[in-house]
Amino acid sequence: PLSAEAAEQVEIQVKYAGYIDKQLDQVEKMMRMEQKRIPDRLDYDAISGLAIEAKQKLNQVRPLSIGQASRISGVNPSDISILLVYIEQGQYALTAE
């Protein structure tokens, strides 16, 4: 027989298993996103759909990864999604040196 404390722990684990799994999936996604590299000299101005403020901030900071870009003030989650899709397509414009 389980003690009342052990039974409560089992109940909590069963009750919150779905939430915990979702959270673990989010952590894994964030870790992958953190490491996704942004090509050097990426021309942010050529990316349609990015907010003007995001273009300005990304051009100013020149982040090395999506994770870094996601932490820039003025760059919102929809800008990050657009940037990811643009990079994944593999045909992107680069700025001249």
PDB file of N, CA and C in Angstrom:
ATOM      1  N   PRO A   1       0.829  -1.197   0.000  1.00  0.00           N
ATOM      2  CA  PRO A   1       0.000   0.000   0.000  1.00  0.00           C
ATOM      3  C   PRO A   1       0.875   1.263   0.000  1.00  0.00           C
ATOM      4  N   LEU A   2       0.455   2.252  -0.753  1.00  0.00           N
ATOM      5  CA  LEU A   2       1.175   3.519  -0.821  1.00  0.00           C
ATOM      6  C   LEU A   2       0.805   4.399   0.355  1.00  0.00           C
ATOM      7  N   SER A   3       1.791   5.148   0.809  1.00  0.00           N
ATOM      8  CA  SER A   3       1.490   6.135   1.842  1.00  0.00           C
ATOM      9  C   SER A   3       0.704   7.272   1.192  1.00  0.00           C
ATOM     10  N   ALA A   4       0.081   8.087   2.000  1.00  0.00           N
ATOM     11  CA  ALA A   4      -0.705   9.212   1.481  1.00  0.00           C
ATOM     12  C   ALA A   4       0.193  10.157   0.678  1.00  0.00           C
ATOM     13  N   GLU A   5       1.408  10.345   1.153  1.00  0.00           N
ATOM     14  CA  GLU A   5       2.357  11.239   0.467  1.00  0.00           C
ATOM     15  C   GLU A   5       2.756  10.668  -0.896  1.00  0.00           C
ATOM     16  N   ALA A   6       3.036   9.378  -0.958  1.00  0.00           N
ATOM     17  CA  ALA A   6       3.416   8.734  -2.216  1.00  0.00           C
ATOM     18  C   ALA A   6       2.245   8.754  -3.197  1.00  0.00           C
ATOM     19  N   ALA A   7       1.043   8.505  -2.696  1.00  0.00           N
ATOM     20  CA  ALA A   7      -0.143   8.530  -3.550  1.00  0.00           C
ATOM     21  C   ALA A   7      -0.353   9.930  -4.131  1.00  0.00           C
ATOM     22  N   GLU A   8      -0.116  10.945  -3.312  1.00  0.00           N
ATOM     23  CA  GLU A   8      -0.253  12.327  -3.783  1.00  0.00           C
ATOM     24  C   GLU A   8       0.782  12.630  -4.875  1.00  0.00           C
ATOM     25  N   GLN A   9       2.005  12.151  -4.700  1.00  0.00           N
ATOM     26  CA  GLN A   9       3.060  12.348  -5.702  1.00  0.00           C
ATOM     27  C   GLN A   9       2.681  11.687  -7.031  1.00  0.00           C
ATOM     28  N   VAL A  10       2.165  10.478  -6.965  1.00  0.00           N
ATOM     29  CA  VAL A  10       1.743   9.772  -8.177  1.00  0.00           C
ATOM     30  C   VAL A  10       0.617  10.548  -8.860  1.00  0.00           C
ATOM     31  N   GLU A  11      -0.339  11.015  -8.078  1.00  0.00           N
ATOM     32  CA  GLU A  11      -1.458  11.779  -8.631  1.00  0.00           C
ATOM     33  C   GLU A  11      -0.965  13.049  -9.330  1.00  0.00           C
ATOM     34  N   ILE A  12      -0.036  13.740  -8.704  1.00  0.00           N
ATOM     35  CA  ILE A  12       0.530  14.964  -9.291  1.00  0.00           C
ATOM     36  C   ILE A  12       1.247  14.652 -10.595  1.00  0.00           C
ATOM     37  N   GLN A  13       2.039  13.584 -10.593  1.00  0.00           N
ATOM     38  CA  GLN A  13       2.782  13.224 -11.804  1.00  0.00           C
ATOM     39  C   GLN A  13       1.839  12.872 -12.950  1.00  0.00           C
ATOM     40  N   VAL A  14       0.789  12.141 -12.651  1.00  0.00           N
ATOM     41  CA  VAL A  14      -0.178  11.766 -13.683  1.00  0.00           C
ATOM     42  C   VAL A  14      -0.934  13.002 -14.173  1.00  0.00           C
ATOM     43  N   LYS A  15      -1.349  13.840 -13.232  1.00  0.00           N
ATOM     44  CA  LYS A  15      -2.139  15.018 -13.565  1.00  0.00           C
ATOM     45  C   LYS A  15      -1.362  16.000 -14.445  1.00  0.00           C
ATOM     46  N   TYR A  16      -0.075  16.163 -14.172  1.00  0.00           N
ATOM     47  CA  TYR A  16       0.716  17.181 -14.865  1.00  0.00           C
ATOM     48  C   TYR A  16       1.655  16.624 -15.934  1.00  0.00           C
ATOM     49  N   ALA A  17       1.561  15.346 -16.241  1.00  0.00           N
ATOM     50  CA  ALA A  17       2.470  14.725 -17.217  1.00  0.00           C
ATOM     51  C   ALA A  17       2.399  15.420 -18.574  1.00  0.00           C
ATOM     52  N   GLY A  18       1.207  15.750 -19.032  1.00  0.00           N
ATOM     53  CA  GLY A  18       1.053  16.430 -20.322  1.00  0.00           C
ATOM     54  C   GLY A  18       1.725  17.789 -20.336  1.00  0.00           C
ATOM     55  N   TYR A  19       1.559  18.541 -19.247  1.00  0.00           N
ATOM     56  CA  TYR A  19       2.179  19.859 -19.150  1.00  0.00           C
ATOM     57  C   TYR A  19       3.701  19.747 -19.122  1.00  0.00           C
ATOM     58  N   ILE A  20       4.184  18.770 -18.386  1.00  0.00           N
ATOM     59  CA  ILE A  20       5.633  18.565 -18.281  1.00  0.00           C
ATOM     60  C   ILE A  20       6.206  18.185 -19.643  1.00  0.00           C
ATOM     61  N   ASP A  21       5.521  17.304 -20.363  1.00  0.00           N
ATOM     62  CA  ASP A  21       5.981  16.913 -21.701  1.00  0.00           C
ATOM     63  C   ASP A  21       6.022  18.112 -22.646  1.00  0.00           C
ATOM     64  N   LYS A  22       4.985  18.958 -22.605  1.00  0.00           N
ATOM     65  CA  LYS A  22       4.970  20.155 -23.446  1.00  0.00           C
ATOM     66  C   LYS A  22       6.141  21.069 -23.104  1.00  0.00           C
ATOM     67  N   GLN A  23       6.401  21.230 -21.812  1.00  0.00           N
ATOM     68  CA  GLN A  23       7.489  22.099 -21.375  1.00  0.00           C
ATOM     69  C   GLN A  23       8.831  21.547 -21.842  1.00  0.00           C
ATOM     70  N   LEU A  24       9.012  20.243 -21.740  1.00  0.00           N
ATOM     71  CA  LEU A  24      10.261  19.628 -22.198  1.00  0.00           C
ATOM     72  C   LEU A  24      10.437  19.793 -23.707  1.00  0.00           C
ATOM     73  N   ASP A  25       9.337  19.675 -24.455  1.00  0.00           N
ATOM     74  CA  ASP A  25       9.392  19.900 -25.903  1.00  0.00           C
ATOM     75  C   ASP A  25       9.797  21.335 -26.217  1.00  0.00           C
ATOM     76  N   GLN A  26       9.249  22.285 -25.453  1.00  0.00           N
ATOM     77  CA  GLN A  26       9.598  23.691 -25.657  1.00  0.00           C
ATOM     78  C   GLN A  26      11.070  23.941 -25.360  1.00  0.00           C
ATOM     79  N   VAL A  27      11.578  23.338 -24.298  1.00  0.00           N
ATOM     80  CA  VAL A  27      12.991  23.496 -23.943  1.00  0.00           C
ATOM     81  C   VAL A  27      13.872  22.944 -25.055  1.00  0.00           C
ATOM     82  N   GLU A  28      13.511  21.784 -25.580  1.00  0.00           N
ATOM     83  CA  GLU A  28      14.282  21.172 -26.668  1.00  0.00           C
ATOM     84  C   GLU A  28      14.258  22.056 -27.916  1.00  0.00           C
ATOM     85  N   LYS A  29      13.091  22.593 -28.233  1.00  0.00           N
ATOM     86  CA  LYS A  29      12.963  23.479 -29.394  1.00  0.00           C
ATOM     87  C   LYS A  29      13.815  24.732 -29.204  1.00  0.00           C
ATOM     88  N   MET A  30      13.792  25.293 -28.002  1.00  0.00           N
ATOM     89  CA  MET A  30      14.592  26.484 -27.715  1.00  0.00           C
ATOM     90  C   MET A  30      16.081  26.191 -27.846  1.00  0.00           C
ATOM     91  N   MET A  31      16.502  25.024 -27.403  1.00  0.00           N
ATOM     92  CA  MET A  31      17.914  24.667 -27.499  1.00  0.00           C
ATOM     93  C   MET A  31      18.338  24.537 -28.964  1.00  0.00           C
ATOM     94  N   ARG A  32      17.478  23.929 -29.790  1.00  0.00           N
ATOM     95  CA  ARG A  32      17.788  23.831 -31.226  1.00  0.00           C
ATOM     96  C   ARG A  32      17.825  25.215 -31.858  1.00  0.00           C
ATOM     97  N   MET A  33      16.870  26.044 -31.495  1.00  0.00           N
ATOM     98  CA  MET A  33      16.795  27.389 -32.040  1.00  0.00           C
ATOM     99  C   MET A  33      18.005  28.221 -31.604  1.00  0.00           C
ATOM    100  N   GLU A  34      18.417  28.026 -30.373  1.00  0.00           N
ATOM    101  CA  GLU A  34      19.569  28.755 -29.834  1.00  0.00           C
ATOM    102  C   GLU A  34      20.797  28.521 -30.699  1.00  0.00           C
ATOM    103  N   GLN A  35      20.940  27.320 -31.212  1.00  0.00           N
ATOM    104  CA  GLN A  35      22.140  26.949 -31.950  1.00  0.00           C
ATOM    105  C   GLN A  35      22.021  27.174 -33.454  1.00  0.00           C
ATOM    106  N   LYS A  36      20.834  27.501 -33.958  1.00  0.00           N
ATOM    107  CA  LYS A  36      20.647  27.719 -35.401  1.00  0.00           C
ATOM    108  C   LYS A  36      21.415  28.971 -35.821  1.00  0.00           C
ATOM    109  N   ARG A  37      22.398  28.780 -36.682  1.00  0.00           N
ATOM    110  CA  ARG A  37      23.270  29.875 -37.099  1.00  0.00           C
ATOM    111  C   ARG A  37      22.582  30.781 -38.119  1.00  0.00           C
ATOM    112  N   ILE A  38      22.900  32.060 -38.035  1.00  0.00           N
ATOM    113  CA  ILE A  38      22.450  33.033 -39.024  1.00  0.00           C
ATOM    114  C   ILE A  38      23.635  33.296 -39.947  1.00  0.00           C
ATOM    115  N   PRO A  39      23.439  33.192 -41.258  1.00  0.00           N
ATOM    116  CA  PRO A  39      24.558  33.419 -42.183  1.00  0.00           C
ATOM    117  C   PRO A  39      25.190  34.801 -41.998  1.00  0.00           C
ATOM    118  N   ASP A  40      26.519  34.853 -42.112  1.00  0.00           N
ATOM    119  CA  ASP A  40      27.223  36.139 -42.061  1.00  0.00           C
ATOM    120  C   ASP A  40      26.699  37.030 -43.173  1.00  0.00           C
ATOM    121  N   ARG A  41      26.620  38.293 -42.908  1.00  0.00           N
ATOM    122  CA  ARG A  41      26.241  39.307 -43.900  1.00  0.00           C
ATOM    123  C   ARG A  41      24.822  39.122 -44.436  1.00  0.00           C
ATOM    124  N   LEU A  42      23.963  38.447 -43.682  1.00  0.00           N
ATOM    125  CA  LEU A  42      22.567  38.298 -44.110  1.00  0.00           C
ATOM    126  C   LEU A  42      21.951  39.687 -44.262  1.00  0.00           C
ATOM    127  N   ASP A  43      21.278  39.921 -45.383  1.00  0.00           N
ATOM    128  CA  ASP A  43      20.656  41.217 -45.651  1.00  0.00           C
ATOM    129  C   ASP A  43      19.241  41.221 -45.073  1.00  0.00           C
ATOM    130  N   TYR A  44      19.124  41.723 -43.855  1.00  0.00           N
ATOM    131  CA  TYR A  44      17.824  41.742 -43.180  1.00  0.00           C
ATOM    132  C   TYR A  44      16.820  42.633 -43.917  1.00  0.00           C
ATOM    133  N   ASP A  45      17.315  43.658 -44.604  1.00  0.00           N
ATOM    134  CA  ASP A  45      16.421  44.557 -45.338  1.00  0.00           C
ATOM    135  C   ASP A  45      15.728  43.846 -46.499  1.00  0.00           C
ATOM    136  N   ALA A  46      16.291  42.741 -46.960  1.00  0.00           N
ATOM    137  CA  ALA A  46      15.712  41.994 -48.080  1.00  0.00           C
ATOM    138  C   ALA A  46      14.626  41.013 -47.636  1.00  0.00           C
ATOM    139  N   ILE A  47      14.422  40.890 -46.330  1.00  0.00           N
ATOM    140  CA  ILE A  47      13.446  39.928 -45.811  1.00  0.00           C
ATOM    141  C   ILE A  47      12.098  40.619 -45.668  1.00  0.00           C
ATOM    142  N   SER A  48      11.184  40.307 -46.576  1.00  0.00           N
ATOM    143  CA  SER A  48       9.859  40.924 -46.494  1.00  0.00           C
ATOM    144  C   SER A  48       9.101  40.302 -45.326  1.00  0.00           C
ATOM    145  N   GLY A  49       8.358  41.140 -44.650  1.00  0.00           N
ATOM    146  CA  GLY A  49       7.583  40.667 -43.512  1.00  0.00           C
ATOM    147  C   GLY A  49       8.210  41.003 -42.172  1.00  0.00           C
ATOM    148  N   LEU A  50       9.526  41.245 -42.153  1.00  0.00           N
ATOM    149  CA  LEU A  50      10.166  41.650 -40.899  1.00  0.00           C
ATOM    150  C   LEU A  50       9.742  43.076 -40.567  1.00  0.00           C
ATOM    151  N   ALA A  51       9.462  43.321 -39.307  1.00  0.00           N
ATOM    152  CA  ALA A  51       9.117  44.668 -38.877  1.00  0.00           C
ATOM    153  C   ALA A  51      10.317  45.591 -39.099  1.00  0.00           C
ATOM    154  N   ILE A  52      10.045  46.853 -39.381  1.00  0.00           N
ATOM    155  CA  ILE A  52      11.122  47.823 -39.619  1.00  0.00           C
ATOM    156  C   ILE A  52      12.051  47.889 -38.415  1.00  0.00           C
ATOM    157  N   GLU A  53      11.481  47.928 -37.209  1.00  0.00           N
ATOM    158  CA  GLU A  53      12.311  47.981 -36.006  1.00  0.00           C
ATOM    159  C   GLU A  53      13.194  46.743 -35.900  1.00  0.00           C
ATOM    160  N   ALA A  54      12.655  45.581 -36.246  1.00  0.00           N
ATOM    161  CA  ALA A  54      13.438  44.343 -36.192  1.00  0.00           C
ATOM    162  C   ALA A  54      14.598  44.410 -37.179  1.00  0.00           C
ATOM    163  N   LYS A  55      14.343  44.898 -38.384  1.00  0.00           N
ATOM    164  CA  LYS A  55      15.417  45.036 -39.377  1.00  0.00           C
ATOM    165  C   LYS A  55      16.523  45.939 -38.852  1.00  0.00           C
ATOM    166  N   GLN A  56      16.122  47.060 -38.257  1.00  0.00           N
ATOM    167  CA  GLN A  56      17.105  48.003 -37.725  1.00  0.00           C
ATOM    168  C   GLN A  56      17.939  47.361 -36.619  1.00  0.00           C
ATOM    169  N   LYS A  57      17.269  46.706 -35.687  1.00  0.00           N
ATOM    170  CA  LYS A  57      17.976  46.097 -34.557  1.00  0.00           C
ATOM    171  C   LYS A  57      18.880  44.955 -35.015  1.00  0.00           C
ATOM    172  N   LEU A  58      18.382  44.114 -35.919  1.00  0.00           N
ATOM    173  CA  LEU A  58      19.182  42.987 -36.403  1.00  0.00           C
ATOM    174  C   LEU A  58      20.400  43.479 -37.179  1.00  0.00           C
ATOM    175  N   ASN A  59      20.238  44.532 -37.977  1.00  0.00           N
ATOM    176  CA  ASN A  59      21.380  45.103 -38.697  1.00  0.00           C
ATOM    177  C   ASN A  59      22.394  45.717 -37.747  1.00  0.00           C
ATOM    178  N   GLN A  60      21.907  46.289 -36.664  1.00  0.00           N
ATOM    179  CA  GLN A  60      22.786  46.923 -35.684  1.00  0.00           C
ATOM    180  C   GLN A  60      23.551  45.886 -34.864  1.00  0.00           C
ATOM    181  N   VAL A  61      22.855  44.871 -34.376  1.00  0.00           N
ATOM    182  CA  VAL A  61      23.459  43.876 -33.483  1.00  0.00           C
ATOM    183  C   VAL A  61      24.210  42.792 -34.256  1.00  0.00           C
ATOM    184  N   ARG A  62      23.686  42.370 -35.420  1.00  0.00           N
ATOM    185  CA  ARG A  62      24.259  41.288 -36.227  1.00  0.00           C
ATOM    186  C   ARG A  62      24.421  40.010 -35.396  1.00  0.00           C
ATOM    187  N   PRO A  63      23.309  39.446 -34.893  1.00  0.00           N
ATOM    188  CA  PRO A  63      23.398  38.234 -34.066  1.00  0.00           C
ATOM    189  C   PRO A  63      23.961  37.056 -34.860  1.00  0.00           C
ATOM    190  N   LEU A  64      24.620  36.151 -34.143  1.00  0.00           N
ATOM    191  CA  LEU A  64      25.221  34.976 -34.770  1.00  0.00           C
ATOM    192  C   LEU A  64      24.254  33.805 -34.853  1.00  0.00           C
ATOM    193  N   SER A  65      23.232  33.811 -33.989  1.00  0.00           N
ATOM    194  CA  SER A  65      22.291  32.690 -33.949  1.00  0.00           C
ATOM    195  C   SER A  65      20.865  33.202 -33.770  1.00  0.00           C
ATOM    196  N   ILE A  66      19.916  32.322 -34.045  1.00  0.00           N
ATOM    197  CA  ILE A  66      18.504  32.654 -33.843  1.00  0.00           C
ATOM    198  C   ILE A  66      18.243  32.924 -32.363  1.00  0.00           C
ATOM    199  N   GLY A  67      18.905  32.170 -31.499  1.00  0.00           N
ATOM    200  CA  GLY A  67      18.748  32.386 -30.065  1.00  0.00           C
ATOM    201  C   GLY A  67      19.140  33.795 -29.659  1.00  0.00           C
ATOM    202  N   GLN A  68      20.270  34.267 -30.174  1.00  0.00           N
ATOM    203  CA  GLN A  68      20.699  35.637 -29.882  1.00  0.00           C
ATOM    204  C   GLN A  68      19.691  36.638 -30.441  1.00  0.00           C
ATOM    205  N   ALA A  69      19.234  36.401 -31.660  1.00  0.00           N
ATOM    206  CA  ALA A  69      18.273  37.311 -32.289  1.00  0.00           C
ATOM    207  C   ALA A  69      16.982  37.390 -31.476  1.00  0.00           C
ATOM    208  N   SER A  70      16.567  36.267 -30.908  1.00  0.00           N
ATOM    209  CA  SER A  70      15.304  36.236 -30.164  1.00  0.00           C
ATOM    210  C   SER A  70      15.366  37.034 -28.867  1.00  0.00           C
ATOM    211  N   ARG A  71      16.568  37.330 -28.397  1.00  0.00           N
ATOM    212  CA  ARG A  71      16.718  38.092 -27.151  1.00  0.00           C
ATOM    213  C   ARG A  71      16.922  39.588 -27.386  1.00  0.00           C
ATOM    214  N   ILE A  72      16.901  40.025 -28.628  1.00  0.00           N
ATOM    215  CA  ILE A  72      17.088  41.441 -28.935  1.00  0.00           C
ATOM    216  C   ILE A  72      15.771  42.174 -28.712  1.00  0.00           C
ATOM    217  N   SER A  73      15.836  43.237 -27.938  1.00  0.00           N
ATOM    218  CA  SER A  73      14.657  44.063 -27.705  1.00  0.00           C
ATOM    219  C   SER A  73      14.196  44.650 -29.035  1.00  0.00           C
ATOM    220  N   GLY A  74      12.909  44.557 -29.314  1.00  0.00           N
ATOM    221  CA  GLY A  74      12.380  45.073 -30.566  1.00  0.00           C
ATOM    222  C   GLY A  74      12.226  44.017 -31.642  1.00  0.00           C
ATOM    223  N   VAL A  75      12.717  42.818 -31.375  1.00  0.00           N
ATOM    224  CA  VAL A  75      12.547  41.694 -32.302  1.00  0.00           C
ATOM    225  C   VAL A  75      11.538  40.750 -31.660  1.00  0.00           C
ATOM    226  N   ASN A  76      10.361  40.619 -32.268  1.00  0.00           N
ATOM    227  CA  ASN A  76       9.304  39.819 -31.642  1.00  0.00           C
ATOM    228  C   ASN A  76       9.260  38.400 -32.217  1.00  0.00           C
ATOM    229  N   PRO A  77       8.503  37.510 -31.589  1.00  0.00           N
ATOM    230  CA  PRO A  77       8.443  36.114 -32.049  1.00  0.00           C
ATOM    231  C   PRO A  77       8.043  35.949 -33.518  1.00  0.00           C
ATOM    232  N   SER A  78       7.169  36.808 -34.028  1.00  0.00           N
ATOM    233  CA  SER A  78       6.802  36.670 -35.444  1.00  0.00           C
ATOM    234  C   SER A  78       7.986  37.024 -36.342  1.00  0.00           C
ATOM    235  N   ASP A  79       8.817  37.984 -35.928  1.00  0.00           N
ATOM    236  CA  ASP A  79      10.031  38.305 -36.691  1.00  0.00           C
ATOM    237  C   ASP A  79      10.979  37.110 -36.710  1.00  0.00           C
ATOM    238  N   ILE A  80      11.093  36.429 -35.576  1.00  0.00           N
ATOM    239  CA  ILE A  80      11.968  35.254 -35.488  1.00  0.00           C
ATOM    240  C   ILE A  80      11.443  34.148 -36.402  1.00  0.00           C
ATOM    241  N   SER A  81      10.137  33.952 -36.428  1.00  0.00           N
ATOM    242  CA  SER A  81       9.550  32.931 -37.303  1.00  0.00           C
ATOM    243  C   SER A  81       9.833  33.241 -38.770  1.00  0.00           C
ATOM    244  N   ILE A  82       9.670  34.494 -39.153  1.00  0.00           N
ATOM    245  CA  ILE A  82       9.942  34.906 -40.535  1.00  0.00           C
ATOM    246  C   ILE A  82      11.414  34.696 -40.861  1.00  0.00           C
ATOM    247  N   LEU A  83      12.282  35.059 -39.940  1.00  0.00           N
ATOM    248  CA  LEU A  83      13.725  34.889 -40.132  1.00  0.00           C
ATOM    249  C   LEU A  83      14.079  33.411 -40.294  1.00  0.00           C
ATOM    250  N   LEU A  84      13.495  32.557 -39.476  1.00  0.00           N
ATOM    251  CA  LEU A  84      13.745  31.117 -39.571  1.00  0.00           C
ATOM    252  C   LEU A  84      13.316  30.560 -40.926  1.00  0.00           C
ATOM    253  N   VAL A  85      12.121  30.927 -41.369  1.00  0.00           N
ATOM    254  CA  VAL A  85      11.629  30.448 -42.664  1.00  0.00           C
ATOM    255  C   VAL A  85      12.552  30.931 -43.776  1.00  0.00           C
ATOM    256  N   TYR A  86      12.960  32.181 -43.710  1.00  0.00           N
ATOM    257  CA  TYR A  86      13.836  32.767 -44.727  1.00  0.00           C
ATOM    258  C   TYR A  86      15.165  32.016 -44.799  1.00  0.00           C
ATOM    259  N   ILE A  87      15.746  31.722 -43.647  1.00  0.00           N
ATOM    260  CA  ILE A  87      17.027  31.007 -43.607  1.00  0.00           C
ATOM    261  C   ILE A  87      16.849  29.568 -44.085  1.00  0.00           C
ATOM    262  N   GLU A  88      15.760  28.924 -43.668  1.00  0.00           N
ATOM    263  CA  GLU A  88      15.511  27.533 -44.056  1.00  0.00           C
ATOM    264  C   GLU A  88      15.358  27.382 -45.571  1.00  0.00           C
ATOM    265  N   GLN A  89      14.839  28.405 -46.232  1.00  0.00           N
ATOM    266  CA  GLN A  89      14.673  28.343 -47.683  1.00  0.00           C
ATOM    267  C   GLN A  89      16.024  28.266 -48.384  1.00  0.00           C
ATOM    268  N   GLY A  90      17.054  28.812 -47.758  1.00  0.00           N
ATOM    269  CA  GLY A  90      18.409  28.679 -48.275  1.00  0.00           C
ATOM    270  C   GLY A  90      18.785  29.599 -49.412  1.00  0.00           C
ATOM    271  N   GLN A  91      17.871  30.408 -49.878  1.00  0.00           N
ATOM    272  CA  GLN A  91      18.187  31.351 -50.957  1.00  0.00           C
ATOM    273  C   GLN A  91      18.016  32.755 -50.409  1.00  0.00           C
ATOM    274  N   TYR A  92      19.048  33.236 -49.760  1.00  0.00           N
ATOM    275  CA  TYR A  92      18.938  34.527 -49.105  1.00  0.00           C
ATOM    276  C   TYR A  92      19.964  35.504 -49.654  1.00  0.00           C
ATOM    277  N   ALA A  93      19.624  36.777 -49.508  1.00  0.00           N
ATOM    278  CA  ALA A  93      20.501  37.847 -49.975  1.00  0.00           C
ATOM    279  C   ALA A  93      21.527  38.171 -48.898  1.00  0.00           C
ATOM    280  N   LEU A  94      22.742  38.453 -49.340  1.00  0.00           N
ATOM    281  CA  LEU A  94      23.806  38.868 -48.432  1.00  0.00           C
ATOM    282  C   LEU A  94      24.165  40.314 -48.736  1.00  0.00           C
ATOM    283  N   THR A  95      24.608  41.014 -47.708  1.00  0.00           N
ATOM    284  CA  THR A  95      25.029  42.395 -47.910  1.00  0.00           C
ATOM    285  C   THR A  95      26.418  42.412 -48.519  1.00  0.00           C
ATOM    286  N   ALA A  96      26.725  43.474 -49.233  1.00  0.00           N
ATOM    287  CA  ALA A  96      28.075  43.631 -49.795  1.00  0.00           C
ATOM    288  C   ALA A  96      29.017  44.054 -48.680  1.00  0.00           C
ATOM    289  N   GLU A  97      30.245  43.635 -48.762  1.00  0.00           N
ATOM    290  CA  GLU A  97      31.240  44.017 -47.746  1.00  0.00           C
ATOM    291  C   GLU A  97      31.744  45.405 -48.018  1.00  0.00           C
TER     292      GLU A  97
END
